Amino acid sequence: MAAFHQGLRAAGWEEGRNLRIDTRWTDGRDAELRKHAAELVALDPEVILAWATPTVFALQRVSRTVPIVFSGVIDPAGFGLVASLARPGGNARALSRSSTRWRRNGWNC
C-alpha cells in the first residue's frame, strides 16, 4: 500500500486534495467479500483497485460498469474475469508492474 500511495503522489494524486481512497480488508469469507463489494460500488467510485480472484468475482457480481483494476490473479482469462488478456472487454483490467501507468484523465492498463 505504501508503494501504491507513493506512485499516486508521484503522478500528482494526493489523498484529500484530488483523490479519495476507501479501503476494505477481508479474511476472504464470501459473505464479507459481497458486503464490502456492495459498499464500495455504492460509493460510486471512478475505479476500484482489487487484489485476488475472489475479490474481483465479488465486485463483478455487484457491478459490470465500475472499472476494476486488479492484481494477484494468476489466470484472469481462465477464470472468466476477462475475455482475454489482449482484449479483456467488460469492466476488469489486470494490473501489471511492467505495463501500468496512471493518467490524470483516466486509467490505463
N, C-alpha and C. Protein backbone atom coordinates (compact mmCIF):
# COMPACT_ATOMS: atom_id res chain seq x y z
N MET A 1 0.82 -1.19 0.00
CA MET A 1 0.00 0.00 0.00
C MET A 1 0.87 1.26 0.00
N ALA A 2 1.99 1.21 0.72
CA ALA A 2 2.87 2.38 0.76
C ALA A 2 3.40 2.72 -0.64
N ALA A 3 3.79 1.70 -1.38
CA ALA A 3 4.29 1.92 -2.74
C ALA A 3 3.17 2.45 -3.65
N PHE A 4 1.96 1.94 -3.47
CA PHE A 4 0.82 2.42 -4.23
C PHE A 4 0.59 3.90 -3.98
N HIS A 5 0.57 4.30 -2.71
CA HIS A 5 0.39 5.71 -2.35
C HIS A 5 1.53 6.57 -2.88
N GLN A 6 2.74 6.05 -2.82
CA GLN A 6 3.90 6.79 -3.32
C GLN A 6 3.77 7.00 -4.83
N GLY A 7 3.36 5.97 -5.55
CA GLY A 7 3.17 6.10 -7.00
C GLY A 7 2.09 7.10 -7.35
N LEU A 8 1.02 7.11 -6.57
CA LEU A 8 -0.04 8.08 -6.81
C LEU A 8 0.47 9.51 -6.61
N ARG A 9 1.22 9.71 -5.52
CA ARG A 9 1.78 11.05 -5.25
C ARG A 9 2.70 11.48 -6.38
N ALA A 10 3.52 10.56 -6.87
CA ALA A 10 4.44 10.88 -7.97
C ALA A 10 3.69 11.27 -9.24
N ALA A 11 2.47 10.75 -9.39
CA ALA A 11 1.65 11.06 -10.57
C ALA A 11 0.78 12.30 -10.34
N GLY A 12 0.91 12.94 -9.18
CA GLY A 12 0.17 14.16 -8.91
C GLY A 12 -1.14 13.96 -8.16
N TRP A 13 -1.39 12.75 -7.69
CA TRP A 13 -2.62 12.47 -6.93
C TRP A 13 -2.32 12.53 -5.45
N GLU A 14 -3.12 13.27 -4.72
CA GLU A 14 -2.90 13.41 -3.29
C GLU A 14 -4.22 13.23 -2.54
N GLU A 15 -4.22 12.26 -1.65
CA GLU A 15 -5.43 11.97 -0.89
C GLU A 15 -5.85 13.21 -0.09
N GLY A 16 -7.14 13.54 -0.17
CA GLY A 16 -7.66 14.71 0.50
C GLY A 16 -7.63 15.97 -0.36
N ARG A 17 -6.85 15.95 -1.44
CA ARG A 17 -6.79 17.11 -2.34
C ARG A 17 -7.54 16.81 -3.64
N ASN A 18 -7.11 15.78 -4.35
CA ASN A 18 -7.76 15.42 -5.62
C ASN A 18 -8.02 13.92 -5.72
N LEU A 19 -8.01 13.25 -4.57
CA LEU A 19 -8.16 11.81 -4.54
C LEU A 19 -8.82 11.38 -3.23
N ARG A 20 -9.70 10.42 -3.34
CA ARG A 20 -10.29 9.80 -2.15
C ARG A 20 -10.07 8.30 -2.25
N ILE A 21 -9.58 7.71 -1.18
CA ILE A 21 -9.35 6.26 -1.14
C ILE A 21 -10.18 5.67 -0.02
N ASP A 22 -11.01 4.70 -0.36
CA ASP A 22 -11.79 3.94 0.62
C ASP A 22 -11.27 2.51 0.58
N THR A 23 -10.81 2.01 1.69
CA THR A 23 -10.18 0.70 1.76
C THR A 23 -11.04 -0.28 2.53
N ARG A 24 -11.10 -1.50 2.04
CA ARG A 24 -11.77 -2.58 2.74
C ARG A 24 -10.81 -3.77 2.78
N TRP A 25 -10.73 -4.43 3.92
CA TRP A 25 -9.92 -5.64 4.07
C TRP A 25 -10.85 -6.76 4.52
N THR A 26 -10.56 -7.97 4.10
CA THR A 26 -11.40 -9.10 4.45
C THR A 26 -10.54 -10.34 4.68
N ASP A 27 -11.09 -11.29 5.39
CA ASP A 27 -10.37 -12.55 5.58
C ASP A 27 -10.71 -13.56 4.49
N GLY A 28 -11.46 -13.12 3.47
CA GLY A 28 -11.75 -13.98 2.33
C GLY A 28 -13.09 -14.69 2.38
N ARG A 29 -13.86 -14.50 3.46
CA ARG A 29 -15.18 -15.13 3.52
C ARG A 29 -16.08 -14.51 2.46
N ASP A 30 -16.83 -15.36 1.74
CA ASP A 30 -17.65 -14.90 0.64
C ASP A 30 -18.67 -13.84 1.07
N ALA A 31 -19.33 -14.03 2.18
CA ALA A 31 -20.33 -13.07 2.64
C ALA A 31 -19.69 -11.71 2.91
N GLU A 32 -18.51 -11.72 3.48
CA GLU A 32 -17.81 -10.47 3.77
C GLU A 32 -17.35 -9.80 2.47
N LEU A 33 -16.87 -10.60 1.52
CA LEU A 33 -16.47 -10.05 0.22
C LEU A 33 -17.65 -9.38 -0.47
N ARG A 34 -18.81 -10.04 -0.47
CA ARG A 34 -20.01 -9.48 -1.10
C ARG A 34 -20.43 -8.18 -0.43
N LYS A 35 -20.37 -8.16 0.90
CA LYS A 35 -20.75 -6.95 1.66
C LYS A 35 -19.83 -5.78 1.30
N HIS A 36 -18.53 -6.01 1.33
CA HIS A 36 -17.57 -4.95 1.02
C HIS A 36 -17.69 -4.50 -0.44
N ALA A 37 -17.90 -5.44 -1.35
CA ALA A 37 -18.07 -5.09 -2.76
C ALA A 37 -19.26 -4.17 -2.94
N ALA A 38 -20.37 -4.50 -2.31
CA ALA A 38 -21.57 -3.66 -2.40
C ALA A 38 -21.32 -2.28 -1.81
N GLU A 39 -20.63 -2.22 -0.68
CA GLU A 39 -20.32 -0.93 -0.04
C GLU A 39 -19.48 -0.06 -0.97
N LEU A 40 -18.45 -0.65 -1.55
CA LEU A 40 -17.56 0.13 -2.42
C LEU A 40 -18.28 0.62 -3.67
N VAL A 41 -19.05 -0.23 -4.32
CA VAL A 41 -19.76 0.17 -5.52
C VAL A 41 -20.79 1.26 -5.19
N ALA A 42 -21.42 1.19 -4.03
CA ALA A 42 -22.40 2.20 -3.61
C ALA A 42 -21.76 3.58 -3.44
N LEU A 43 -20.46 3.64 -3.24
CA LEU A 43 -19.76 4.92 -3.11
C LEU A 43 -19.58 5.62 -4.45
N ASP A 44 -19.96 4.95 -5.55
CA ASP A 44 -19.87 5.48 -6.91
C ASP A 44 -18.44 5.89 -7.29
N PRO A 45 -17.48 4.96 -7.16
CA PRO A 45 -16.09 5.30 -7.45
C PRO A 45 -15.84 5.40 -8.96
N GLU A 46 -14.77 6.09 -9.31
CA GLU A 46 -14.35 6.14 -10.70
C GLU A 46 -13.61 4.87 -11.10
N VAL A 47 -12.96 4.24 -10.12
CA VAL A 47 -12.23 2.99 -10.36
C VAL A 47 -12.05 2.27 -9.03
N ILE A 48 -11.98 0.95 -9.09
CA ILE A 48 -11.70 0.14 -7.89
C ILE A 48 -10.44 -0.66 -8.16
N LEU A 49 -9.52 -0.63 -7.22
CA LEU A 49 -8.31 -1.45 -7.27
C LEU A 49 -8.57 -2.67 -6.40
N ALA A 50 -8.43 -3.85 -6.97
CA ALA A 50 -8.75 -5.08 -6.24
C ALA A 50 -7.57 -6.05 -6.28
N TRP A 51 -7.54 -6.92 -5.28
CA TRP A 51 -6.49 -7.93 -5.16
C TRP A 51 -7.14 -9.29 -5.04
N ALA A 52 -6.76 -10.23 -5.86
CA ALA A 52 -7.11 -11.65 -5.78
C ALA A 52 -8.44 -11.98 -6.46
N THR A 53 -8.50 -13.18 -6.95
CA THR A 53 -9.63 -13.68 -7.73
C THR A 53 -10.98 -13.55 -7.02
N PRO A 54 -11.13 -14.00 -5.76
CA PRO A 54 -12.44 -13.90 -5.11
C PRO A 54 -12.95 -12.47 -4.99
N THR A 55 -12.05 -11.53 -4.79
CA THR A 55 -12.44 -10.13 -4.67
C THR A 55 -13.00 -9.61 -6.00
N VAL A 56 -12.32 -9.94 -7.09
CA VAL A 56 -12.79 -9.48 -8.40
C VAL A 56 -14.14 -10.11 -8.73
N PHE A 57 -14.31 -11.40 -8.44
CA PHE A 57 -15.61 -12.04 -8.64
C PHE A 57 -16.71 -11.32 -7.86
N ALA A 58 -16.45 -11.00 -6.60
CA ALA A 58 -17.45 -10.32 -5.77
C ALA A 58 -17.80 -8.95 -6.36
N LEU A 59 -16.80 -8.22 -6.80
CA LEU A 59 -17.05 -6.90 -7.39
C LEU A 59 -17.84 -7.01 -8.69
N GLN A 60 -17.50 -7.98 -9.53
CA GLN A 60 -18.22 -8.13 -10.79
C GLN A 60 -19.67 -8.58 -10.58
N ARG A 61 -19.95 -9.27 -9.50
CA ARG A 61 -21.34 -9.64 -9.20
C ARG A 61 -22.17 -8.41 -8.87
N VAL A 62 -21.52 -7.38 -8.33
CA VAL A 62 -22.23 -6.17 -7.92
C VAL A 62 -22.31 -5.15 -9.06
N SER A 63 -21.27 -5.06 -9.88
CA SER A 63 -21.25 -4.06 -10.95
C SER A 63 -20.48 -4.56 -12.17
N ARG A 64 -21.04 -4.31 -13.32
CA ARG A 64 -20.36 -4.58 -14.59
C ARG A 64 -19.97 -3.28 -15.28
N THR A 65 -20.11 -2.15 -14.55
CA THR A 65 -19.79 -0.86 -15.16
C THR A 65 -18.63 -0.13 -14.47
N VAL A 66 -18.49 -0.25 -13.16
CA VAL A 66 -17.38 0.41 -12.46
C VAL A 66 -16.07 -0.27 -12.88
N PRO A 67 -15.10 0.50 -13.38
CA PRO A 67 -13.82 -0.11 -13.77
C PRO A 67 -13.12 -0.75 -12.57
N ILE A 68 -12.65 -1.97 -12.77
CA ILE A 68 -11.93 -2.72 -11.74
C ILE A 68 -10.53 -3.00 -12.27
N VAL A 69 -9.53 -2.49 -11.59
CA VAL A 69 -8.13 -2.78 -11.91
C VAL A 69 -7.67 -3.77 -10.86
N PHE A 70 -7.17 -4.92 -11.30
CA PHE A 70 -6.84 -5.94 -10.32
C PHE A 70 -5.45 -6.51 -10.51
N SER A 71 -4.96 -7.11 -9.44
CA SER A 71 -3.68 -7.81 -9.43
C SER A 71 -3.86 -9.04 -8.55
N GLY A 72 -2.88 -9.90 -8.56
CA GLY A 72 -2.93 -11.09 -7.72
C GLY A 72 -3.84 -12.18 -8.26
N VAL A 73 -4.14 -12.15 -9.55
CA VAL A 73 -4.96 -13.17 -10.19
C VAL A 73 -4.07 -13.89 -11.20
N ILE A 74 -3.89 -15.19 -11.03
CA ILE A 74 -2.96 -15.94 -11.85
C ILE A 74 -3.43 -16.11 -13.29
N ASP A 75 -4.70 -16.42 -13.51
CA ASP A 75 -5.21 -16.68 -14.86
C ASP A 75 -6.57 -16.01 -15.04
N PRO A 76 -6.58 -14.68 -15.23
CA PRO A 76 -7.86 -13.97 -15.30
C PRO A 76 -8.75 -14.44 -16.45
N ALA A 77 -8.18 -14.76 -17.60
CA ALA A 77 -8.99 -15.25 -18.72
C ALA A 77 -9.51 -16.65 -18.42
N GLY A 78 -8.68 -17.49 -17.85
CA GLY A 78 -9.08 -18.84 -17.50
C GLY A 78 -10.19 -18.88 -16.47
N PHE A 79 -10.20 -17.92 -15.55
CA PHE A 79 -11.25 -17.84 -14.53
C PHE A 79 -12.49 -17.11 -15.04
N GLY A 80 -12.41 -16.53 -16.23
CA GLY A 80 -13.56 -15.83 -16.80
C GLY A 80 -13.73 -14.40 -16.31
N LEU A 81 -12.69 -13.84 -15.70
CA LEU A 81 -12.77 -12.45 -15.25
C LEU A 81 -12.65 -11.48 -16.41
N VAL A 82 -11.92 -11.88 -17.44
CA VAL A 82 -11.77 -11.10 -18.66
C VAL A 82 -11.92 -12.05 -19.84
N ALA A 83 -12.28 -11.50 -21.00
CA ALA A 83 -12.43 -12.33 -22.20
C ALA A 83 -11.07 -12.88 -22.64
N SER A 84 -10.06 -12.03 -22.65
CA SER A 84 -8.69 -12.43 -22.97
C SER A 84 -7.76 -11.36 -22.43
N LEU A 85 -6.49 -11.65 -22.34
CA LEU A 85 -5.55 -10.64 -21.86
C LEU A 85 -5.37 -9.53 -22.88
N ALA A 86 -5.40 -9.86 -24.16
CA ALA A 86 -5.23 -8.86 -25.21
C ALA A 86 -6.45 -7.97 -25.36
N ARG A 87 -7.63 -8.54 -25.19
CA ARG A 87 -8.89 -7.81 -25.33
C ARG A 87 -9.80 -8.21 -24.17
N PRO A 88 -9.57 -7.59 -23.00
CA PRO A 88 -10.30 -8.02 -21.81
C PRO A 88 -11.80 -7.81 -21.87
N GLY A 89 -12.26 -6.74 -22.55
CA GLY A 89 -13.69 -6.44 -22.58
C GLY A 89 -14.19 -6.15 -21.18
N GLY A 90 -15.46 -5.94 -21.01
CA GLY A 90 -16.04 -5.74 -19.68
C GLY A 90 -15.40 -4.60 -18.91
N ASN A 91 -15.50 -4.69 -17.60
CA ASN A 91 -15.03 -3.60 -16.73
C ASN A 91 -13.77 -3.94 -15.93
N ALA A 92 -13.16 -5.10 -16.18
CA ALA A 92 -11.98 -5.51 -15.41
C ALA A 92 -10.73 -5.50 -16.27
N ARG A 93 -9.63 -5.05 -15.67
CA ARG A 93 -8.32 -5.00 -16.33
C ARG A 93 -7.26 -5.46 -15.35
N ALA A 94 -6.33 -6.25 -15.84
CA ALA A 94 -5.23 -6.73 -15.00
C ALA A 94 -4.16 -5.65 -14.86
N LEU A 95 -3.61 -5.56 -13.67
CA LEU A 95 -2.55 -4.61 -13.36
C LEU A 95 -1.22 -5.34 -13.48
N SER A 96 -0.31 -4.77 -14.25
CA SER A 96 1.00 -5.38 -14.46
C SER A 96 2.08 -4.39 -14.03
N ARG A 97 3.04 -4.86 -13.32
CA ARG A 97 4.14 -3.98 -12.88
C ARG A 97 4.86 -3.34 -14.05
N SER A 98 4.98 -4.08 -15.15
CA SER A 98 5.79 -3.58 -16.26
C SER A 98 5.02 -2.71 -17.24
N SER A 99 3.68 -2.79 -17.25
CA SER A 99 2.94 -2.08 -18.28
C SER A 99 1.91 -1.10 -17.76
N THR A 100 1.91 -0.83 -16.49
CA THR A 100 0.86 0.02 -15.94
C THR A 100 1.33 1.46 -15.80
N ARG A 101 0.45 2.35 -16.15
CA ARG A 101 0.68 3.76 -15.87
C ARG A 101 -0.66 4.40 -15.57
N TRP A 102 -0.64 5.31 -14.63
CA TRP A 102 -1.86 6.03 -14.25
C TRP A 102 -1.82 7.38 -14.92
N ARG A 103 -2.97 7.82 -15.39
CA ARG A 103 -3.06 9.12 -16.05
C ARG A 103 -4.10 9.97 -15.33
N ARG A 104 -3.96 11.27 -15.43
CA ARG A 104 -4.93 12.17 -14.83
C ARG A 104 -6.30 12.04 -15.48
N ASN A 105 -6.37 11.77 -16.75
CA ASN A 105 -7.64 11.74 -17.47
C ASN A 105 -8.27 10.36 -17.50
N GLY A 106 -7.87 9.49 -16.64
CA GLY A 106 -8.44 8.16 -16.60
C GLY A 106 -7.40 7.16 -16.17
N TRP A 107 -7.69 5.91 -16.37
CA TRP A 107 -6.74 4.87 -16.00
C TRP A 107 -6.44 4.05 -17.23
N ASN A 108 -5.26 3.52 -17.23
CA ASN A 108 -4.78 2.82 -18.41
C ASN A 108 -3.94 1.63 -17.97
N CYS A 109 -4.28 0.47 -18.44
CA CYS A 109 -3.50 -0.72 -18.08
C CYS A 109 -3.08 -1.47 -19.33
